[in-house]
Protein backbone atom coordinates (compact mmCIF):
# COMPACT_ATOMS: atom_id res chain seq x y z
CA MET A 1 0.00 0.13 -0.01
CA SER A 2 1.38 3.19 -0.86
CA TRP A 3 1.69 6.04 1.49
CA ILE A 4 1.20 9.83 0.46
CA ARG A 5 3.73 11.94 2.39
CA THR A 6 2.64 15.22 0.83
CA GLY A 7 -0.83 16.83 0.51
CA PHE A 8 -3.38 15.72 -2.20
CA LEU A 9 -5.72 17.77 -4.18
CA VAL A 10 -9.31 17.06 -4.81
CA ALA A 11 -10.96 17.68 -8.36
CA LEU A 12 -14.73 18.28 -9.03
CA SER A 13 -16.48 17.04 -12.05
CA ALA A 14 -19.52 19.04 -11.77
CA VAL A 15 -20.18 22.79 -12.06
CA ALA A 16 -21.26 24.64 -9.14
CA GLN A 17 -24.48 26.43 -9.01
CA SER A 18 -22.53 29.51 -7.40
CA PRO A 19 -19.24 29.16 -9.20
CA ASN A 20 -17.20 31.41 -7.06
CA ALA A 21 -18.54 30.55 -3.63
CA PRO A 22 -15.95 28.28 -1.57
CA LEU A 23 -17.62 25.04 -0.33
CA SER A 24 -18.06 24.96 3.30
CA LEU A 25 -17.37 21.60 4.92
CA PRO A 26 -18.82 20.57 8.17
CA GLY A 27 -16.96 21.85 11.33
CA GLY A 28 -19.33 24.73 12.54
CA THR A 29 -18.25 28.25 12.77
CA LYS A 30 -15.10 27.75 14.71
CA ASN A 31 -13.54 25.48 11.94
CA PRO A 32 -15.55 25.72 8.64
CA ALA A 33 -12.74 24.42 6.67
CA PRO A 34 -13.87 25.74 3.28
CA PHE A 35 -12.42 24.21 0.17
CA GLU A 36 -11.49 26.76 -2.82
CA PHE A 37 -11.58 25.37 -6.31
CA VAL A 38 -10.01 26.88 -9.54
CA LYS A 39 -11.79 26.36 -13.00
CA ILE A 40 -9.65 24.84 -15.37
CA ALA A 41 -10.64 25.06 -18.95
CA PRO A 42 -10.14 22.33 -21.53
CA GLY A 43 -7.20 22.54 -23.58
CA GLU A 44 -4.00 20.85 -24.92
CA PHE A 45 -0.51 20.58 -23.64
CA VAL A 46 2.74 18.54 -24.05
CA MET A 47 3.16 15.89 -21.25
CA GLY A 48 6.50 14.57 -20.22
CA CYS A 49 10.14 15.31 -19.69
CA ALA A 50 11.90 17.74 -21.88
CA GLU A 51 14.67 16.23 -23.93
CA GLY A 52 17.86 16.24 -21.92
CA ASP A 53 16.35 16.52 -18.51
CA LYS A 54 18.66 14.70 -16.25
CA ASP A 55 15.90 14.21 -13.49
CA CYS A 56 13.40 12.61 -15.81
CA LEU A 57 11.95 9.17 -14.77
CA GLU A 58 11.39 6.48 -17.34
CA ASP A 59 7.68 6.66 -17.35
CA GLU A 60 7.64 10.55 -18.20
CA VAL A 61 9.06 9.84 -21.78
CA PRO A 62 8.50 10.33 -24.66
CA ARG A 63 6.95 13.79 -24.60
CA HIS A 64 3.39 13.69 -25.99
CA ARG A 65 0.53 15.88 -26.82
CA VAL A 66 -2.56 15.63 -24.41
CA ARG A 67 -5.86 17.15 -25.09
CA LEU A 68 -8.37 17.50 -22.28
CA THR A 69 -11.75 17.77 -23.94
CA ARG A 70 -13.62 18.79 -20.57
CA GLY A 71 -13.01 21.54 -18.10
CA PHE A 72 -12.91 20.57 -14.34
CA GLU A 73 -12.26 22.24 -11.19
CA LEU A 74 -9.45 21.58 -8.92
CA GLY A 75 -8.62 22.32 -5.20
CA LYS A 76 -6.59 25.51 -5.09
CA TYR A 77 -4.67 24.06 -2.37
CA GLU A 78 -3.82 20.67 -0.92
CA VAL A 79 -6.45 19.03 1.37
CA THR A 80 -5.68 20.69 4.89
CA GLN A 81 -5.56 19.00 8.17
CA ALA A 82 -8.51 21.06 9.23
CA GLN A 83 -10.61 19.91 6.15
CA TRP A 84 -9.63 16.30 6.75
CA GLU A 85 -10.73 16.49 10.30
CA ALA A 86 -14.16 18.31 9.36
CA VAL A 87 -14.75 15.42 6.95
CA MET A 88 -13.26 12.33 8.87
CA GLY A 89 -13.63 13.36 12.51
CA PRO A 90 -11.58 15.24 15.07
CA ASP A 91 -9.28 12.15 15.95
CA SER A 92 -8.48 11.12 12.40
CA ASN A 93 -5.47 13.29 11.41
CA PRO A 94 -2.59 11.05 10.76
CA SER A 95 -0.31 13.69 9.73
CA GLU A 96 3.17 13.89 10.99
CA THR A 97 3.76 17.65 11.17
CA ARG A 98 0.46 19.12 12.79
CA GLY A 99 -1.38 22.34 11.88
CA PRO A 100 -4.81 22.99 10.94
CA SER A 101 -3.63 24.76 7.75
CA ASN A 102 -0.73 22.16 6.82
CA PRO A 103 -1.70 19.60 4.21
CA VAL A 104 -2.81 16.22 5.51
CA ASP A 105 -0.01 13.75 4.92
CA SER A 106 0.93 10.19 5.70
CA VAL A 107 -2.42 8.72 4.27
CA ASN A 108 -2.82 5.94 1.82
CA LYS A 109 -5.07 5.72 -1.20
CA ASP A 110 -7.77 3.73 0.86
CA GLU A 111 -8.04 6.51 3.32
CA ILE A 112 -8.12 9.19 0.37
CA HIS A 113 -10.94 7.20 -1.18
CA ALA A 114 -12.84 6.80 2.13
CA PHE A 115 -12.44 10.93 2.43
CA LEU A 116 -13.84 11.31 -1.05
CA ASP A 117 -16.59 8.75 -0.40
CA LYS A 118 -17.70 10.91 2.74
CA LEU A 119 -17.57 14.07 0.56
CA ASN A 120 -19.53 12.42 -2.19
CA ALA A 121 -22.26 11.06 0.32
CA ARG A 122 -23.15 14.77 1.03
CA ASN A 123 -25.00 14.73 -2.26
CA ASP A 124 -24.14 18.40 -2.91
CA GLY A 125 -24.26 18.43 -6.60
CA TYR A 126 -20.44 17.83 -6.89
CA LYS A 127 -18.51 14.68 -7.70
CA TYR A 128 -15.33 14.67 -5.79
CA ARG A 129 -12.13 12.76 -7.02
CA LEU A 130 -8.56 12.87 -7.42
CA PRO A 131 -7.42 14.56 -10.48
CA THR A 132 -5.78 12.37 -13.33
CA GLU A 133 -2.17 12.62 -13.87
CA ALA A 134 -2.88 14.46 -17.12
CA GLU A 135 -5.26 16.96 -15.40
CA TRP A 136 -2.71 17.57 -12.52
CA GLU A 137 0.21 18.22 -15.06
CA TYR A 138 -2.02 20.60 -17.01
CA ALA A 139 -3.31 22.48 -14.09
CA ALA A 140 0.27 22.82 -12.49
CA GLY A 141 1.89 23.74 -15.86
CA ALA A 142 -0.71 26.69 -16.41
CA GLY A 143 0.43 26.68 -19.93
CA ALA A 144 4.07 27.80 -18.88
CA PRO A 145 7.27 25.79 -19.85
CA PRO A 146 8.49 23.25 -17.05
CA ILE A 147 10.06 24.69 -14.07
CA PRO A 148 13.82 23.46 -13.79
CA ARG A 149 14.39 21.81 -10.50
CA ALA A 150 16.87 24.48 -9.77
CA PHE A 151 14.16 27.05 -9.34
CA LEU A 152 11.46 24.79 -7.97
CA GLY A 153 12.08 26.16 -4.44
CA ASP A 154 10.82 29.48 -5.56
CA TYR A 155 7.25 27.91 -6.02
CA ALA A 156 6.83 24.89 -3.90
CA TRP A 157 8.01 23.00 -0.75
CA PHE A 158 9.59 19.68 -1.63
CA ALA A 159 12.37 17.48 -0.12
CA ASP A 160 15.25 19.97 -0.85
CA ASN A 161 13.85 23.04 1.01
CA SER A 162 11.20 21.75 3.53
CA ASP A 163 13.39 20.47 6.44
CA ASP A 164 11.50 17.29 6.08
CA GLU A 165 8.31 19.02 7.41
CA SER A 166 5.08 20.00 5.89
CA HIS A 167 4.17 23.84 5.70
CA PRO A 168 0.80 25.70 5.69
CA VAL A 169 -0.81 25.49 2.15
CA ALA A 170 -0.52 28.43 -0.01
């Protein structure tokens, strides 16, 4: 069973009735734990590593054109520990570095799917799921060329700059 040490994003496959309103998860006024989503329009991009990229993994070649024919909404930030607890219960947080604004971590695919099942059980007009690999790369790239690893620390927390701890989202 694979464990996810970093946060995860949730995608929506339905359009909101009020497109700019954040979703409010259970938790009351003290901890409403709202989700924020970003609309991602359909489009095309080139997926995979650039030629000559020394950090490229075997499954990231060859580069190829991908077309996403339907738009979707993607969580603006990783699922936070406050959001996880609002859905799964106050004693459910498995994260190693604690903080309500930090991404939930140390969860496996089964736990993530249980989280998504609970969200979907709300029957609020949305279908919650994980984004596909292509959706994630398309949204993360935002039409820009890939960021060389040497500059990744300007944009994201990762192994080289995080002191092996999670940090608040955004």
